[in-house]
Every structure is written in C-alpha cells, then in structure tokens.
Amino acid sequence: MKYDVEEIRHKLKKYGQEHLLNFYDTLDEKKQQELLEQIEGIDFELINSLYSKTKDVNKNEHVDVEPIEFIDKYKLNGDYKYYEEIGKKP
C-alpha cells in the first residue's frame, strides 16, 4: 500500500511528532514507504490517552499506610528452611 507523506506529516503535526520524518528525504523509496507504514501503525490517540492518565491524581492519596505485624519466621511451618536454603544457593 502506498502512503501519502503529506497526509502523515499532517497527522504527526497534530500530535507534535513531526521529527519522525526528519530524515525521510535521505531514505530510498522502499525505506520511505516502510517508515510511513510504521508511523501509520502508531495509535497516537491511545498513546495520548495513556499518557494523560499518568497525570491523574492518585486516587489512593487518603489511604493510611501502616506497617504489618512482625511475624517470626521460625514460628511458621518448617518450609521456611527449605526456601531459605534455596535462596543461599549460587
């Protein structure tokens, strides 16, 4: 499929990603089409949506965090020794 570089350039400008075509003119025609195909496969709307969610206020900011109660590993069942030995192996 042949991709229109101007159409893709317009799409990239919308998302502030015009730099993806900085070296477009230095590529041969086959590589140009491969680049355009890769760019066309990028879901910029999804990327923007995911990025904007990282800016959301943490919904758990009013949760109190407390340390858990200490548990002596020697009072647990005997399996701890088995796993402790595995952890010591190189």
C-alpha atoms as a PDB file:
ATOM      1  CA  MET A   1       0.000   0.000   0.000  1.00  0.00           C
ATOM      2  CA  LYS A   2       1.291   3.443  -0.898  1.00  0.00           C
ATOM      3  CA  TYR A   3       1.135   6.026   1.887  1.00  0.00           C
ATOM      4  CA  ASP A   4       0.810   9.769   1.378  1.00  0.00           C
ATOM      5  CA  VAL A   5       3.660  11.538   3.148  1.00  0.00           C
ATOM      6  CA  GLU A   6       1.788  14.836   3.358  1.00  0.00           C
ATOM      7  CA  GLU A   7      -1.201  13.190   4.997  1.00  0.00           C
ATOM      8  CA  ILE A   8       1.068  11.529   7.542  1.00  0.00           C
ATOM      9  CA  ARG A   9       3.028  14.754   8.053  1.00  0.00           C
ATOM     10  CA  HIS A  10      -0.269  16.485   8.927  1.00  0.00           C
ATOM     11  CA  LYS A  11      -1.147  13.685  11.363  1.00  0.00           C
ATOM     12  CA  LEU A  12       2.290  13.922  13.004  1.00  0.00           C
ATOM     13  CA  LYS A  13       1.971  17.690  13.363  1.00  0.00           C
ATOM     14  CA  LYS A  14      -1.337  17.202  15.201  1.00  0.00           C
ATOM     15  CA  TYR A  15       0.494  15.137  17.831  1.00  0.00           C
ATOM     16  CA  GLY A  16       3.762  17.088  17.879  1.00  0.00           C
ATOM     17  CA  GLN A  17       5.733  14.234  16.329  1.00  0.00           C
ATOM     18  CA  GLU A  18       6.962  15.820  13.098  1.00  0.00           C
ATOM     19  CA  HIS A  19      10.534  14.880  13.993  1.00  0.00           C
ATOM     20  CA  LEU A  20       9.768  11.298  12.937  1.00  0.00           C
ATOM     21  CA  LEU A  21      10.166  12.468   9.345  1.00  0.00           C
ATOM     22  CA  ASN A  22      13.416  14.412   9.868  1.00  0.00           C
ATOM     23  CA  PHE A  23      15.469  12.033   7.711  1.00  0.00           C
ATOM     24  CA  TYR A  24      12.661  10.909   5.415  1.00  0.00           C
ATOM     25  CA  ASP A  25      14.259  12.522   2.340  1.00  0.00           C
ATOM     26  CA  THR A  26      17.532  10.635   2.879  1.00  0.00           C
ATOM     27  CA  LEU A  27      15.810   7.245   2.555  1.00  0.00           C
ATOM     28  CA  ASP A  28      15.238   5.332  -0.651  1.00  0.00           C
ATOM     29  CA  GLU A  29      11.625   4.899  -1.775  1.00  0.00           C
ATOM     30  CA  LYS A  30      11.241   1.438  -0.231  1.00  0.00           C
ATOM     31  CA  LYS A  31      12.514   2.622   3.156  1.00  0.00           C
ATOM     32  CA  GLN A  32      10.323   5.709   2.950  1.00  0.00           C
ATOM     33  CA  GLN A  33       7.235   3.565   2.488  1.00  0.00           C
ATOM     34  CA  GLU A  34       8.315   1.266   5.329  1.00  0.00           C
ATOM     35  CA  LEU A  35       8.711   4.272   7.619  1.00  0.00           C
ATOM     36  CA  LEU A  36       5.322   5.654   6.621  1.00  0.00           C
ATOM     37  CA  GLU A  37       3.757   2.243   7.224  1.00  0.00           C
ATOM     38  CA  GLN A  38       5.279   2.065  10.706  1.00  0.00           C
ATOM     39  CA  ILE A  39       4.113   5.585  11.529  1.00  0.00           C
ATOM     40  CA  GLU A  40       0.637   4.783  10.222  1.00  0.00           C
ATOM     41  CA  GLY A  41       0.547   1.820  12.621  1.00  0.00           C
ATOM     42  CA  ILE A  42       1.066   4.028  15.668  1.00  0.00           C
ATOM     43  CA  ASP A  43      -2.095   4.793  17.631  1.00  0.00           C
ATOM     44  CA  PHE A  44      -1.267   8.339  18.729  1.00  0.00           C
ATOM     45  CA  GLU A  45      -4.697   8.812  20.265  1.00  0.00           C
ATOM     46  CA  LEU A  46      -4.162   5.791  22.524  1.00  0.00           C
ATOM     47  CA  ILE A  47      -0.672   6.966  23.479  1.00  0.00           C
ATOM     48  CA  ASN A  48      -2.022  10.416  24.399  1.00  0.00           C
ATOM     49  CA  SER A  49      -4.824   8.844  26.397  1.00  0.00           C
ATOM     50  CA  LEU A  50      -2.456   6.603  28.334  1.00  0.00           C
ATOM     51  CA  TYR A  51      -0.054   9.467  28.957  1.00  0.00           C
ATOM     52  CA  SER A  52      -2.785  11.777  30.210  1.00  0.00           C
ATOM     53  CA  LYS A  53      -3.867   9.117  32.709  1.00  0.00           C
ATOM     54  CA  THR A  54      -0.389   9.214  34.267  1.00  0.00           C
ATOM     55  CA  LYS A  55      -1.115  12.794  35.279  1.00  0.00           C
ATOM     56  CA  ASP A  56      -4.306  11.900  37.139  1.00  0.00           C
ATOM     57  CA  VAL A  57      -4.249  12.494  40.862  1.00  0.00           C
ATOM     58  CA  ASN A  58      -3.575   9.343  42.815  1.00  0.00           C
ATOM     59  CA  LYS A  59      -6.998   8.145  43.902  1.00  0.00           C
ATOM     60  CA  ASN A  60      -5.494   6.474  46.976  1.00  0.00           C
ATOM     61  CA  GLU A  61      -3.901   9.571  48.437  1.00  0.00           C
ATOM     62  CA  HIS A  62      -6.146   9.466  51.530  1.00  0.00           C
ATOM     63  CA  VAL A  63      -5.292   5.878  52.419  1.00  0.00           C
ATOM     64  CA  ASP A  64      -3.353   5.368  55.624  1.00  0.00           C
ATOM     65  CA  VAL A  65      -0.411   3.021  55.234  1.00  0.00           C
ATOM     66  CA  GLU A  66       0.643   1.127  58.329  1.00  0.00           C
ATOM     67  CA  PRO A  67       3.375  -1.448  58.848  1.00  0.00           C
ATOM     68  CA  ILE A  68       2.325  -5.059  59.058  1.00  0.00           C
ATOM     69  CA  GLU A  69       2.658  -7.027  62.255  1.00  0.00           C
ATOM     70  CA  PHE A  70       6.027  -8.736  62.750  1.00  0.00           C
ATOM     71  CA  ILE A  71       5.969 -12.499  62.230  1.00  0.00           C
ATOM     72  CA  ASP A  72       8.889 -14.582  63.430  1.00  0.00           C
ATOM     73  CA  LYS A  73       9.810 -16.854  60.530  1.00  0.00           C
ATOM     74  CA  TYR A  74      10.793 -19.613  62.965  1.00  0.00           C
ATOM     75  CA  LYS A  75       7.225 -19.795  64.214  1.00  0.00           C
ATOM     76  CA  LEU A  76       5.966 -20.525  60.726  1.00  0.00           C
ATOM     77  CA  ASN A  77       5.854 -24.038  59.388  1.00  0.00           C
ATOM     78  CA  GLY A  78       9.106 -25.853  58.589  1.00  0.00           C
ATOM     79  CA  ASP A  79       9.027 -24.908  54.896  1.00  0.00           C
ATOM     80  CA  TYR A  80      10.938 -21.689  55.577  1.00  0.00           C
ATOM     81  CA  LYS A  81      14.194 -23.639  55.965  1.00  0.00           C
ATOM     82  CA  TYR A  82      13.744 -25.237  52.552  1.00  0.00           C
ATOM     83  CA  TYR A  83      13.232 -21.865  50.859  1.00  0.00           C
ATOM     84  CA  GLU A  84      15.984 -20.231  52.872  1.00  0.00           C
ATOM     85  CA  GLU A  85      18.443 -22.856  51.606  1.00  0.00           C
ATOM     86  CA  ILE A  86      17.286 -22.291  48.001  1.00  0.00           C
ATOM     87  CA  GLY A  87      17.979 -18.595  48.459  1.00  0.00           C
ATOM     88  CA  LYS A  88      21.534 -19.285  49.562  1.00  0.00           C
ATOM     89  CA  LYS A  89      22.442 -21.376  46.502  1.00  0.00           C
ATOM     90  CA  PRO A  90      24.618 -19.654  43.868  1.00  0.00           C
END
